[in-house]
Amino acid sequence: MERFVIPDIFCPFPSQVSPSLEHVRQQNQEWVKDFGLIQGETALRYYLAADFPLLTCRAHPRAGLEELFLCCNWYTWVFVFDDQFDDGVAGRQPASMRVIYDHMLALLDNPTSVTAQGPAACSLANIWQRARRLMPSSVWQRRFVQHHADFFAACCRDAENRVNGHLLDIWDYIDNRRNGGANPIVCDLIALAGHVQIPEEICEHQSFKAILRAAYDSMGWTNDVYGLQKELAHGDTNNLVMVVQQAQHCSLQEAMDRACVMVEREIQRFEHLAQSLPLCTPAEVDRDLRHYLVDVGSWIRGHLEWERTSLRYSEVEYTERGKSSSYLEEILPVV
């Protein structure tokens, strides 16, 4: 495999960690075991090495304890769930994936009439029940469900590309990556953690959409940069570095360098657009929105710091084509 070095990525936002880290670690480890997301010793070692509670506490340094618990549970859920497809044979079966995603989405759409099947579904149902209590706004809840639908659709497209060994052109890739990285859901959780209600008219405003696009891209591309080794190990083509390499006919290191410059530009774009956002009325809406954008900046910095240090991306298990990684367990619905 061609070797590469990841350059330092400049980020202007302060590095912070919630003082509740150990409480979050304890709750999350109990939660993943209670719901069967983590069962055996191999999976537990992989989970502990990733340290999702540290991601949560870096990304939400000002959040309350109950909000930290919920955010950490969802981050753990999405990584463990997504690994089933990225690191296992399930990710090369798009038709079966759609059935699984349909079940997950039905749990969110009709939580009182659908029975969760399997650990991944039961744990998501638990998260959704608690999220609705913390954020009773119907607008926020509709957004949360729709963003999961968008995430699942993007993952299906990723699976088709994986099976076909197909690399999207750079603009198609960027568009699909915003949803495939679940970044709109992350921003929903940032609003939940800060108990910020963003009015529909602001969400639909082009200036606000541009700010979030910059945030989505910086988040997703950071994951591509630090996840490249992991994705090369599993033969996954859904990565910005590989897309840049193909588009610009350069070495892997040159593509990595250029991808890191792209990440920095989006972080700078987010900072500039957030600072130049016009004042909103009434004043309390403007105040909440400014606090929300500060928290998005905290997430960008916290996620970057976590990616730099998490063993999830530095201790990679190589598998033969057609085989799943050893840390994957039976958590998906039977389809």
C-alpha atoms as a PDB file:
ATOM      1  CA  MET A   1       0.000   0.000   0.000  1.00  0.00           C
ATOM      2  CA  GLU A   2       1.248   3.466  -0.894  1.00  0.00           C
ATOM      3  CA  ARG A   3       2.322   5.348   2.229  1.00  0.00           C
ATOM      4  CA  PHE A   4       1.128   8.828   3.098  1.00  0.00           C
ATOM      5  CA  VAL A   5       1.420  11.431   5.850  1.00  0.00           C
ATOM      6  CA  ILE A   6      -1.502  13.537   7.051  1.00  0.00           C
ATOM      7  CA  PRO A   7      -0.527  17.233   7.280  1.00  0.00           C
ATOM      8  CA  ASP A   8      -1.667  19.297  10.245  1.00  0.00           C
ATOM      9  CA  ILE A   9      -5.031  20.946   9.624  1.00  0.00           C
ATOM     10  CA  PHE A  10      -5.412  24.422  11.093  1.00  0.00           C
ATOM     11  CA  CYS A  11      -8.614  25.060  13.017  1.00  0.00           C
ATOM     12  CA  PRO A  12      -9.261  28.440  14.710  1.00  0.00           C
ATOM     13  CA  PHE A  13     -11.779  27.220  17.299  1.00  0.00           C
ATOM     14  CA  PRO A  14     -10.653  26.485  20.883  1.00  0.00           C
ATOM     15  CA  SER A  15      -9.988  22.923  22.019  1.00  0.00           C
ATOM     16  CA  GLN A  16     -12.217  22.044  24.996  1.00  0.00           C
ATOM     17  CA  VAL A  17     -13.393  18.923  26.816  1.00  0.00           C
ATOM     18  CA  SER A  18     -16.496  18.618  28.986  1.00  0.00           C
ATOM     19  CA  PRO A  19     -15.694  17.895  32.652  1.00  0.00           C
ATOM     20  CA  SER A  20     -18.311  15.085  32.494  1.00  0.00           C
ATOM     21  CA  LEU A  21     -16.113  12.765  30.408  1.00  0.00           C
ATOM     22  CA  GLU A  22     -15.857   9.935  32.935  1.00  0.00           C
ATOM     23  CA  HIS A  23     -19.622   9.989  33.589  1.00  0.00           C
ATOM     24  CA  VAL A  24     -20.224   9.760  29.840  1.00  0.00           C
ATOM     25  CA  ARG A  25     -17.764   6.884  29.492  1.00  0.00           C
ATOM     26  CA  GLN A  26     -19.503   4.945  32.249  1.00  0.00           C
ATOM     27  CA  GLN A  27     -23.045   5.519  30.937  1.00  0.00           C
ATOM     28  CA  ASN A  28     -22.139   4.761  27.330  1.00  0.00           C
ATOM     29  CA  GLN A  29     -20.335   1.515  28.109  1.00  0.00           C
ATOM     30  CA  GLU A  30     -23.320   0.313  30.136  1.00  0.00           C
ATOM     31  CA  TRP A  31     -25.699   1.410  27.351  1.00  0.00           C
ATOM     32  CA  VAL A  32     -23.917  -0.433  24.522  1.00  0.00           C
ATOM     33  CA  LYS A  33     -23.827  -3.603  26.602  1.00  0.00           C
ATOM     34  CA  ASP A  34     -27.456  -3.318  27.711  1.00  0.00           C
ATOM     35  CA  PHE A  35     -28.623  -3.018  24.086  1.00  0.00           C
ATOM     36  CA  GLY A  36     -26.272  -5.675  22.743  1.00  0.00           C
ATOM     37  CA  LEU A  37     -24.322  -3.380  20.428  1.00  0.00           C
ATOM     38  CA  ILE A  38     -21.157  -4.672  22.073  1.00  0.00           C
ATOM     39  CA  GLN A  39     -21.126  -8.328  23.124  1.00  0.00           C
ATOM     40  CA  GLY A  40     -17.719 -10.032  22.812  1.00  0.00           C
ATOM     41  CA  GLU A  41     -14.222  -9.085  23.955  1.00  0.00           C
ATOM     42  CA  THR A  42     -12.956  -8.240  20.459  1.00  0.00           C
ATOM     43  CA  ALA A  43     -15.785  -5.794  19.868  1.00  0.00           C
ATOM     44  CA  LEU A  44     -15.292  -4.300  23.335  1.00  0.00           C
ATOM     45  CA  ARG A  45     -11.595  -3.682  22.716  1.00  0.00           C
ATOM     46  CA  TYR A  46     -12.386  -2.000  19.408  1.00  0.00           C
ATOM     47  CA  TYR A  47     -15.089   0.129  21.054  1.00  0.00           C
ATOM     48  CA  LEU A  48     -12.796   1.212  23.906  1.00  0.00           C
ATOM     49  CA  ALA A  49      -9.975   2.085  21.498  1.00  0.00           C
ATOM     50  CA  ALA A  50     -12.299   4.336  19.477  1.00  0.00           C
ATOM     51  CA  ASP A  51     -13.341   6.321  22.588  1.00  0.00           C
ATOM     52  CA  PHE A  52     -16.637   7.783  21.369  1.00  0.00           C
ATOM     53  CA  PRO A  53     -17.222   9.464  24.762  1.00  0.00           C
ATOM     54  CA  LEU A  54     -14.104  11.568  24.176  1.00  0.00           C
ATOM     55  CA  LEU A  55     -15.485  12.637  20.785  1.00  0.00           C
ATOM     56  CA  THR A  56     -18.739  13.630  22.483  1.00  0.00           C
ATOM     57  CA  CYS A  57     -17.115  15.608  25.269  1.00  0.00           C
ATOM     58  CA  ARG A  58     -14.754  17.387  22.895  1.00  0.00           C
ATOM     59  CA  ALA A  59     -17.596  18.179  20.498  1.00  0.00           C
ATOM     60  CA  HIS A  60     -20.107  19.332  23.144  1.00  0.00           C
ATOM     61  CA  PRO A  61     -18.011  20.912  25.912  1.00  0.00           C
ATOM     62  CA  ARG A  62     -20.949  23.019  27.244  1.00  0.00           C
ATOM     63  CA  ALA A  63     -23.742  20.435  27.105  1.00  0.00           C
ATOM     64  CA  GLY A  64     -25.645  19.034  30.085  1.00  0.00           C
ATOM     65  CA  LEU A  65     -25.195  15.464  31.267  1.00  0.00           C
ATOM     66  CA  GLU A  66     -28.408  14.007  29.846  1.00  0.00           C
ATOM     67  CA  GLU A  67     -27.702  15.635  26.485  1.00  0.00           C
ATOM     68  CA  LEU A  68     -24.138  14.281  26.522  1.00  0.00           C
ATOM     69  CA  PHE A  69     -25.449  10.785  27.222  1.00  0.00           C
ATOM     70  CA  LEU A  70     -27.872  10.937  24.301  1.00  0.00           C
ATOM     71  CA  CYS A  71     -25.365  12.419  21.843  1.00  0.00           C
ATOM     72  CA  CYS A  72     -22.717   9.874  22.807  1.00  0.00           C
ATOM     73  CA  ASN A  73     -25.190   7.009  22.422  1.00  0.00           C
ATOM     74  CA  TRP A  74     -26.128   8.200  18.933  1.00  0.00           C
ATOM     75  CA  TYR A  75     -22.496   8.728  17.843  1.00  0.00           C
ATOM     76  CA  THR A  76     -21.685   5.234  19.083  1.00  0.00           C
ATOM     77  CA  TRP A  77     -24.759   3.850  17.357  1.00  0.00           C
ATOM     78  CA  VAL A  78     -23.972   5.457  13.997  1.00  0.00           C
ATOM     79  CA  PHE A  79     -20.329   4.354  13.989  1.00  0.00           C
ATOM     80  CA  VAL A  80     -21.090   0.794  15.097  1.00  0.00           C
ATOM     81  CA  PHE A  81     -24.057   0.550  12.710  1.00  0.00           C
ATOM     82  CA  ASP A  82     -22.138   2.027   9.771  1.00  0.00           C
ATOM     83  CA  ASP A  83     -19.163  -0.275  10.399  1.00  0.00           C
ATOM     84  CA  GLN A  84     -21.451  -3.196   9.595  1.00  0.00           C
ATOM     85  CA  PHE A  85     -21.526  -1.957   6.000  1.00  0.00           C
ATOM     86  CA  ASP A  86     -18.138  -0.257   5.643  1.00  0.00           C
ATOM     87  CA  ASP A  87     -16.147  -3.089   7.246  1.00  0.00           C
ATOM     88  CA  GLY A  88     -18.345  -6.111   6.531  1.00  0.00           C
ATOM     89  CA  VAL A  89     -19.944  -8.125   3.760  1.00  0.00           C
ATOM     90  CA  ALA A  90     -23.297  -6.416   4.455  1.00  0.00           C
ATOM     91  CA  GLY A  91     -21.943  -3.291   2.743  1.00  0.00           C
ATOM     92  CA  ARG A  92     -21.734  -5.133  -0.571  1.00  0.00           C
ATOM     93  CA  GLN A  93     -25.412  -6.077  -0.603  1.00  0.00           C
ATOM     94  CA  PRO A  94     -27.305  -2.871  -1.525  1.00  0.00           C
ATOM     95  CA  ALA A  95     -30.707  -4.562  -1.827  1.00  0.00           C
ATOM     96  CA  SER A  96     -30.490  -6.007   1.695  1.00  0.00           C
ATOM     97  CA  MET A  97     -29.204  -2.681   2.996  1.00  0.00           C
ATOM     98  CA  ARG A  98     -32.321  -0.924   1.710  1.00  0.00           C
ATOM     99  CA  VAL A  99     -34.551  -3.338   3.645  1.00  0.00           C
ATOM    100  CA  ILE A 100     -32.564  -2.706   6.831  1.00  0.00           C
ATOM    101  CA  TYR A 101     -32.664   1.061   6.320  1.00  0.00           C
ATOM    102  CA  ASP A 102     -36.401   0.930   5.661  1.00  0.00           C
ATOM    103  CA  HIS A 103     -36.886  -0.764   9.030  1.00  0.00           C
ATOM    104  CA  MET A 104     -34.749   1.843  10.803  1.00  0.00           C
ATOM    105  CA  LEU A 105     -36.612   4.681   9.140  1.00  0.00           C
ATOM    106  CA  ALA A 106     -39.983   3.127  10.020  1.00  0.00           C
ATOM    107  CA  LEU A 107     -38.933   3.174  13.688  1.00  0.00           C
ATOM    108  CA  LEU A 108     -38.441   6.933  13.423  1.00  0.00           C
ATOM    109  CA  ASP A 109     -41.537   7.591  11.327  1.00  0.00           C
ATOM    110  CA  ASN A 110     -43.938   5.408  13.366  1.00  0.00           C
ATOM    111  CA  PRO A 111     -42.298   4.699  16.737  1.00  0.00           C
ATOM    112  CA  THR A 112     -45.499   3.449  18.387  1.00  0.00           C
ATOM    113  CA  SER A 113     -46.501   1.017  15.642  1.00  0.00           C
ATOM    114  CA  VAL A 114     -43.204  -0.626  14.617  1.00  0.00           C
ATOM    115  CA  THR A 115     -41.435  -3.301  16.671  1.00  0.00           C
ATOM    116  CA  ALA A 116     -37.653  -2.925  16.664  1.00  0.00           C
ATOM    117  CA  GLN A 117     -35.758  -5.976  15.426  1.00  0.00           C
ATOM    118  CA  GLY A 118     -32.234  -6.586  16.699  1.00  0.00           C
ATOM    119  CA  PRO A 119     -29.756  -4.561  18.768  1.00  0.00           C
ATOM    120  CA  ALA A 120     -29.166  -1.827  16.171  1.00  0.00           C
ATOM    121  CA  ALA A 121     -32.885  -1.140  15.851  1.00  0.00           C
ATOM    122  CA  CYS A 122     -33.655  -1.390  19.570  1.00  0.00           C
ATOM    123  CA  SER A 123     -30.861   1.024  20.476  1.00  0.00           C
ATOM    124  CA  LEU A 124     -31.980   3.530  17.824  1.00  0.00           C
ATOM    125  CA  ALA A 125     -35.558   3.315  19.132  1.00  0.00           C
ATOM    126  CA  ASN A 126     -34.262   4.102  22.620  1.00  0.00           C
ATOM    127  CA  ILE A 127     -32.325   7.134  21.351  1.00  0.00           C
ATOM    128  CA  TRP A 128     -35.356   8.412  19.454  1.00  0.00           C
ATOM    129  CA  GLN A 129     -37.639   8.091  22.475  1.00  0.00           C
ATOM    130  CA  ARG A 130     -35.257  10.155  24.614  1.00  0.00           C
ATOM    131  CA  ALA A 131     -34.578  12.687  21.840  1.00  0.00           C
ATOM    132  CA  ARG A 132     -38.292  13.418  21.424  1.00  0.00           C
ATOM    133  CA  ARG A 133     -38.536  14.136  25.130  1.00  0.00           C
ATOM    134  CA  LEU A 134     -35.537  16.498  25.089  1.00  0.00           C
ATOM    135  CA  MET A 135     -36.624  18.231  21.853  1.00  0.00           C
ATOM    136  CA  PRO A 136     -40.447  18.195  21.671  1.00  0.00           C
ATOM    137  CA  SER A 137     -40.451  20.605  18.689  1.00  0.00           C
ATOM    138  CA  SER A 138     -42.237  18.965  15.751  1.00  0.00           C
ATOM    139  CA  VAL A 139     -40.045  20.977  13.357  1.00  0.00           C
ATOM    140  CA  TRP A 140     -36.847  19.579  14.885  1.00  0.00           C
ATOM    141  CA  GLN A 141     -38.269  16.049  14.935  1.00  0.00           C
ATOM    142  CA  ARG A 142     -39.291  16.163  11.262  1.00  0.00           C
ATOM    143  CA  ARG A 143     -35.819  17.397  10.389  1.00  0.00           C
ATOM    144  CA  PHE A 144     -34.187  14.624  12.406  1.00  0.00           C
ATOM    145  CA  VAL A 145     -36.220  11.927  10.631  1.00  0.00           C
ATOM    146  CA  GLN A 146     -35.662  13.410   7.180  1.00  0.00           C
ATOM    147  CA  HIS A 147     -31.934  13.658   7.760  1.00  0.00           C
ATOM    148  CA  HIS A 148     -31.837   9.952   8.648  1.00  0.00           C
ATOM    149  CA  ALA A 149     -33.693   9.190   5.401  1.00  0.00           C
ATOM    150  CA  ASP A 150     -31.106  11.258   3.500  1.00  0.00           C
ATOM    151  CA  PHE A 151     -28.273   9.477   5.326  1.00  0.00           C
ATOM    152  CA  PHE A 152     -29.627   6.031   4.471  1.00  0.00           C
ATOM    153  CA  ALA A 153     -30.119   6.971   0.815  1.00  0.00           C
ATOM    154  CA  ALA A 154     -26.537   8.261   0.550  1.00  0.00           C
ATOM    155  CA  CYS A 155     -25.221   5.070   2.184  1.00  0.00           C
ATOM    156  CA  CYS A 156     -27.041   2.984  -0.436  1.00  0.00           C
ATOM    157  CA  ARG A 157     -25.342   4.984  -3.157  1.00  0.00           C
ATOM    158  CA  ASP A 158     -21.989   4.439  -1.420  1.00  0.00           C
ATOM    159  CA  ALA A 159     -22.677   0.695  -1.374  1.00  0.00           C
ATOM    160  CA  GLU A 160     -23.371   0.633  -5.096  1.00  0.00           C
ATOM    161  CA  ASN A 161     -20.104   2.482  -5.724  1.00  0.00           C
ATOM    162  CA  ARG A 162     -18.284   0.036  -3.439  1.00  0.00           C
ATOM    163  CA  VAL A 163     -19.640  -3.001  -5.265  1.00  0.00           C
ATOM    164  CA  ASN A 164     -18.845  -1.542  -8.680  1.00  0.00           C
ATOM    165  CA  GLY A 165     -15.477  -0.106  -7.657  1.00  0.00           C
ATOM    166  CA  HIS A 166     -16.783   3.205  -8.963  1.00  0.00           C
ATOM    167  CA  LEU A 167     -15.371   6.593  -8.018  1.00  0.00           C
ATOM    168  CA  LEU A 168     -17.743   9.541  -8.375  1.00  0.00           C
ATOM    169  CA  ASP A 169     -16.515  12.751  -9.934  1.00  0.00           C
ATOM    170  CA  ILE A 170     -15.503  15.265  -7.328  1.00  0.00           C
ATOM    171  CA  TRP A 171     -18.700  17.372  -7.334  1.00  0.00           C
ATOM    172  CA  ASP A 172     -21.029  14.372  -7.167  1.00  0.00           C
ATOM    173  CA  TYR A 173     -18.902  12.971  -4.377  1.00  0.00           C
ATOM    174  CA  ILE A 174     -19.049  16.203  -2.365  1.00  0.00           C
ATOM    175  CA  ASP A 175     -22.823  16.382  -2.726  1.00  0.00           C
ATOM    176  CA  ASN A 176     -23.372  12.769  -1.625  1.00  0.00           C
ATOM    177  CA  ARG A 177     -20.821  13.003   1.200  1.00  0.00           C
ATOM    178  CA  ARG A 178     -22.799  15.679   3.050  1.00  0.00           C
ATOM    179  CA  ASN A 179     -25.556  13.177   3.764  1.00  0.00           C
ATOM    180  CA  GLY A 180     -23.414  10.024   3.700  1.00  0.00           C
ATOM    181  CA  GLY A 181     -21.393  11.360   6.618  1.00  0.00           C
ATOM    182  CA  ALA A 182     -24.613  11.952   8.618  1.00  0.00           C
ATOM    183  CA  ASN A 183     -23.485  15.539   9.140  1.00  0.00           C
ATOM    184  CA  PRO A 184     -26.981  17.092   9.021  1.00  0.00           C
ATOM    185  CA  ILE A 185     -27.944  14.710  11.863  1.00  0.00           C
ATOM    186  CA  VAL A 186     -24.867  15.828  13.784  1.00  0.00           C
ATOM    187  CA  CYS A 187     -26.055  19.432  13.458  1.00  0.00           C
ATOM    188  CA  ASP A 188     -29.502  18.365  14.696  1.00  0.00           C
ATOM    189  CA  LEU A 189     -27.810  16.950  17.782  1.00  0.00           C
ATOM    190  CA  ILE A 190     -25.843  20.157  18.266  1.00  0.00           C
ATOM    191  CA  ALA A 191     -29.191  21.980  18.429  1.00  0.00           C
ATOM    192  CA  LEU A 192     -30.525  19.374  20.875  1.00  0.00           C
ATOM    193  CA  ALA A 193     -27.446  19.610  23.101  1.00  0.00           C
ATOM    194  CA  GLY A 194     -27.869  23.386  23.314  1.00  0.00           C
ATOM    195  CA  HIS A 195     -31.690  23.309  23.382  1.00  0.00           C
ATOM    196  CA  VAL A 196     -31.729  25.686  20.421  1.00  0.00           C
ATOM    197  CA  GLN A 197     -34.871  25.958  18.301  1.00  0.00           C
ATOM    198  CA  ILE A 198     -33.940  27.232  14.852  1.00  0.00           C
ATOM    199  CA  PRO A 199     -37.013  28.604  13.040  1.00  0.00           C
ATOM    200  CA  GLU A 200     -37.933  27.023   9.721  1.00  0.00           C
ATOM    201  CA  GLU A 201     -37.488  30.287   7.831  1.00  0.00           C
ATOM    202  CA  ILE A 202     -33.886  30.557   9.027  1.00  0.00           C
ATOM    203  CA  CYS A 203     -33.144  26.925   8.107  1.00  0.00           C
ATOM    204  CA  GLU A 204     -34.384  27.651   4.585  1.00  0.00           C
ATOM    205  CA  HIS A 205     -32.437  30.913   4.208  1.00  0.00           C
ATOM    206  CA  GLN A 206     -29.615  30.671   1.673  1.00  0.00           C
ATOM    207  CA  SER A 207     -27.082  32.354   3.992  1.00  0.00           C
ATOM    208  CA  PHE A 208     -27.721  29.819   6.746  1.00  0.00           C
ATOM    209  CA  LYS A 209     -27.634  26.901   4.284  1.00  0.00           C
ATOM    210  CA  ALA A 210     -24.234  28.092   3.047  1.00  0.00           C
ATOM    211  CA  ILE A 211     -22.894  28.112   6.623  1.00  0.00           C
ATOM    212  CA  LEU A 212     -24.089  24.554   7.204  1.00  0.00           C
ATOM    213  CA  ARG A 213     -22.703  23.329   3.877  1.00  0.00           C
ATOM    214  CA  ALA A 214     -19.272  24.546   4.929  1.00  0.00           C
ATOM    215  CA  ALA A 215     -19.681  22.769   8.268  1.00  0.00           C
ATOM    216  CA  TYR A 216     -20.884  19.538   6.632  1.00  0.00           C
ATOM    217  CA  ASP A 217     -17.982  19.520   4.185  1.00  0.00           C
ATOM    218  CA  SER A 218     -15.307  20.211   6.781  1.00  0.00           C
ATOM    219  CA  MET A 219     -16.733  17.451   9.019  1.00  0.00           C
ATOM    220  CA  GLY A 220     -17.036  14.868   6.251  1.00  0.00           C
ATOM    221  CA  TRP A 221     -13.685  15.593   4.642  1.00  0.00           C
ATOM    222  CA  THR A 222     -11.884  15.481   8.002  1.00  0.00           C
ATOM    223  CA  ASN A 223     -13.264  11.974   8.417  1.00  0.00           C
ATOM    224  CA  ASP A 224     -12.080  11.080   4.908  1.00  0.00           C
ATOM    225  CA  VAL A 225      -8.556  12.299   5.639  1.00  0.00           C
ATOM    226  CA  TYR A 226      -8.155  10.381   8.880  1.00  0.00           C
ATOM    227  CA  GLY A 227     -10.234   7.395   7.723  1.00  0.00           C
ATOM    228  CA  LEU A 228      -8.269   6.844   4.489  1.00  0.00           C
ATOM    229  CA  GLN A 229      -6.090   4.045   5.873  1.00  0.00           C
ATOM    230  CA  LYS A 230      -9.155   2.248   7.226  1.00  0.00           C
ATOM    231  CA  GLU A 231     -11.012   2.559   3.918  1.00  0.00           C
ATOM    232  CA  LEU A 232      -8.014   1.420   1.864  1.00  0.00           C
ATOM    233  CA  ALA A 233      -7.828  -1.640   4.110  1.00  0.00           C
ATOM    234  CA  HIS A 234     -11.422  -2.548   3.261  1.00  0.00           C
ATOM    235  CA  GLY A 235     -11.346  -1.667  -0.428  1.00  0.00           C
ATOM    236  CA  ASP A 236     -13.739   1.235   0.036  1.00  0.00           C
ATOM    237  CA  THR A 237     -13.627   3.881  -2.708  1.00  0.00           C
ATOM    238  CA  ASN A 238     -15.868   6.417  -0.938  1.00  0.00           C
ATOM    239  CA  ASN A 239     -13.174   8.850   0.159  1.00  0.00           C
ATOM    240  CA  LEU A 240     -12.317  12.403  -0.869  1.00  0.00           C
ATOM    241  CA  VAL A 241      -8.582  11.673  -1.089  1.00  0.00           C
ATOM    242  CA  MET A 242      -9.158   8.887  -3.637  1.00  0.00           C
ATOM    243  CA  VAL A 243     -11.595  11.050  -5.587  1.00  0.00           C
ATOM    244  CA  VAL A 244      -9.052  13.908  -5.724  1.00  0.00           C
ATOM    245  CA  GLN A 245      -6.308  11.490  -6.759  1.00  0.00           C
ATOM    246  CA  GLN A 246      -8.389  10.212  -9.664  1.00  0.00           C
ATOM    247  CA  ALA A 247      -9.600  13.661 -10.746  1.00  0.00           C
ATOM    248  CA  GLN A 248      -6.175  15.314 -10.626  1.00  0.00           C
ATOM    249  CA  HIS A 249      -4.003  12.337 -11.665  1.00  0.00           C
ATOM    250  CA  CYS A 250      -1.616  12.748  -8.758  1.00  0.00           C
ATOM    251  CA  SER A 251       0.048  10.589  -6.116  1.00  0.00           C
ATOM    252  CA  LEU A 252      -1.808   9.555  -2.981  1.00  0.00           C
ATOM    253  CA  GLN A 253       0.326  11.947  -0.896  1.00  0.00           C
ATOM    254  CA  GLU A 254      -0.388  14.840  -3.237  1.00  0.00           C
ATOM    255  CA  ALA A 255      -4.097  14.025  -3.063  1.00  0.00           C
ATOM    256  CA  MET A 256      -3.915  13.916   0.740  1.00  0.00           C
ATOM    257  CA  ASP A 257      -2.172  17.303   0.850  1.00  0.00           C
ATOM    258  CA  ARG A 258      -4.801  18.830  -1.435  1.00  0.00           C
ATOM    259  CA  ALA A 259      -7.675  17.298   0.536  1.00  0.00           C
ATOM    260  CA  CYS A 260      -6.299  18.803   3.756  1.00  0.00           C
ATOM    261  CA  VAL A 261      -6.133  22.219   2.095  1.00  0.00           C
ATOM    262  CA  MET A 262      -9.787  21.739   1.084  1.00  0.00           C
ATOM    263  CA  VAL A 263     -10.698  20.951   4.714  1.00  0.00           C
ATOM    264  CA  GLU A 264      -8.950  24.094   5.964  1.00  0.00           C
ATOM    265  CA  ARG A 265     -10.712  26.231   3.351  1.00  0.00           C
ATOM    266  CA  GLU A 266     -14.122  24.950   4.424  1.00  0.00           C
ATOM    267  CA  ILE A 267     -13.343  25.577   8.088  1.00  0.00           C
ATOM    268  CA  GLN A 268     -12.299  29.117   7.183  1.00  0.00           C
ATOM    269  CA  ARG A 269     -15.418  29.498   5.035  1.00  0.00           C
ATOM    270  CA  PHE A 270     -17.616  28.390   7.934  1.00  0.00           C
ATOM    271  CA  GLU A 271     -15.904  30.839  10.309  1.00  0.00           C
ATOM    272  CA  HIS A 272     -16.233  33.753   7.869  1.00  0.00           C
ATOM    273  CA  LEU A 273     -19.871  33.075   6.988  1.00  0.00           C
ATOM    274  CA  ALA A 274     -20.862  32.545  10.626  1.00  0.00           C
ATOM    275  CA  GLN A 275     -19.251  35.834  11.663  1.00  0.00           C
ATOM    276  CA  SER A 276     -20.842  37.786   8.799  1.00  0.00           C
ATOM    277  CA  LEU A 277     -24.373  36.370   9.228  1.00  0.00           C
ATOM    278  CA  PRO A 278     -26.814  39.318   9.416  1.00  0.00           C
ATOM    279  CA  LEU A 279     -28.582  39.977  12.694  1.00  0.00           C
ATOM    280  CA  CYS A 280     -31.855  38.141  13.182  1.00  0.00           C
ATOM    281  CA  THR A 281     -35.018  39.243  14.916  1.00  0.00           C
ATOM    282  CA  PRO A 282     -36.268  38.850  17.544  1.00  0.00           C
ATOM    283  CA  ALA A 283     -33.145  39.269  19.672  1.00  0.00           C
ATOM    284  CA  GLU A 284     -33.538  35.923  21.480  1.00  0.00           C
ATOM    285  CA  VAL A 285     -33.549  34.083  18.131  1.00  0.00           C
ATOM    286  CA  ASP A 286     -30.349  35.857  17.143  1.00  0.00           C
ATOM    287  CA  ARG A 287     -28.760  34.986  20.499  1.00  0.00           C
ATOM    288  CA  ASP A 288     -29.699  31.309  20.191  1.00  0.00           C
ATOM    289  CA  LEU A 289     -28.449  31.167  16.627  1.00  0.00           C
ATOM    290  CA  ARG A 290     -25.084  32.682  17.589  1.00  0.00           C
ATOM    291  CA  HIS A 291     -24.739  30.173  20.429  1.00  0.00           C
ATOM    292  CA  TYR A 292     -25.602  27.368  18.027  1.00  0.00           C
ATOM    293  CA  LEU A 293     -22.904  28.430  15.543  1.00  0.00           C
ATOM    294  CA  VAL A 294     -20.343  28.585  18.367  1.00  0.00           C
ATOM    295  CA  ASP A 295     -21.325  25.021  19.223  1.00  0.00           C
ATOM    296  CA  VAL A 296     -20.946  23.944  15.586  1.00  0.00           C
ATOM    297  CA  GLY A 297     -17.417  25.392  15.718  1.00  0.00           C
ATOM    298  CA  SER A 298     -16.783  23.369  18.879  1.00  0.00           C
ATOM    299  CA  TRP A 299     -17.936  20.239  17.069  1.00  0.00           C
ATOM    300  CA  ILE A 300     -15.641  20.906  14.101  1.00  0.00           C
ATOM    301  CA  ARG A 301     -12.648  21.340  16.428  1.00  0.00           C
ATOM    302  CA  GLY A 302     -13.591  18.502  18.760  1.00  0.00           C
ATOM    303  CA  HIS A 303     -14.143  16.079  15.894  1.00  0.00           C
ATOM    304  CA  LEU A 304     -10.792  17.038  14.357  1.00  0.00           C
ATOM    305  CA  GLU A 305      -8.957  16.501  17.665  1.00  0.00           C
ATOM    306  CA  TRP A 306     -10.650  13.140  18.186  1.00  0.00           C
ATOM    307  CA  GLU A 307      -9.861  11.922  14.659  1.00  0.00           C
ATOM    308  CA  ARG A 308      -6.201  12.830  15.179  1.00  0.00           C
ATOM    309  CA  THR A 309      -5.867  10.639  18.273  1.00  0.00           C
ATOM    310  CA  SER A 310      -8.499   7.881  18.076  1.00  0.00           C
ATOM    311  CA  LEU A 311      -7.060   4.395  17.650  1.00  0.00           C
ATOM    312  CA  ARG A 312     -10.079   3.672  15.458  1.00  0.00           C
ATOM    313  CA  TYR A 313      -8.127   5.219  12.579  1.00  0.00           C
ATOM    314  CA  SER A 314      -4.536   4.313  13.463  1.00  0.00           C
ATOM    315  CA  GLU A 315      -4.911   0.624  14.379  1.00  0.00           C
ATOM    316  CA  VAL A 316      -6.553  -0.790  11.271  1.00  0.00           C
ATOM    317  CA  GLU A 317      -7.540  -4.413  10.735  1.00  0.00           C
ATOM    318  CA  TYR A 318      -6.936  -5.620   7.180  1.00  0.00           C
ATOM    319  CA  THR A 319      -9.434  -8.145   5.819  1.00  0.00           C
ATOM    320  CA  GLU A 320      -9.686 -10.208   2.669  1.00  0.00           C
ATOM    321  CA  ARG A 321     -12.341  -9.270   0.152  1.00  0.00           C
ATOM    322  CA  GLY A 322     -15.616 -10.994   1.037  1.00  0.00           C
ATOM    323  CA  LYS A 323     -14.822 -11.232   4.752  1.00  0.00           C
ATOM    324  CA  SER A 324     -16.002  -9.078   7.649  1.00  0.00           C
ATOM    325  CA  SER A 325     -13.810  -7.528  10.329  1.00  0.00           C
ATOM    326  CA  SER A 326     -13.453  -9.521  13.544  1.00  0.00           C
ATOM    327  CA  TYR A 327     -15.013  -6.809  15.727  1.00  0.00           C
ATOM    328  CA  LEU A 328     -18.388  -6.871  13.925  1.00  0.00           C
ATOM    329  CA  GLU A 329     -21.246  -8.618  15.726  1.00  0.00           C
ATOM    330  CA  GLU A 330     -24.773  -9.736  14.902  1.00  0.00           C
ATOM    331  CA  ILE A 331     -26.707  -6.531  15.521  1.00  0.00           C
ATOM    332  CA  LEU A 332     -28.669  -5.961  12.305  1.00  0.00           C
ATOM    333  CA  PRO A 333     -32.301  -6.928  11.684  1.00  0.00           C
ATOM    334  CA  VAL A 334     -32.683 -10.257   9.897  1.00  0.00           C
ATOM    335  CA  VAL A 335     -33.909  -9.504   6.354  1.00  0.00           C
END
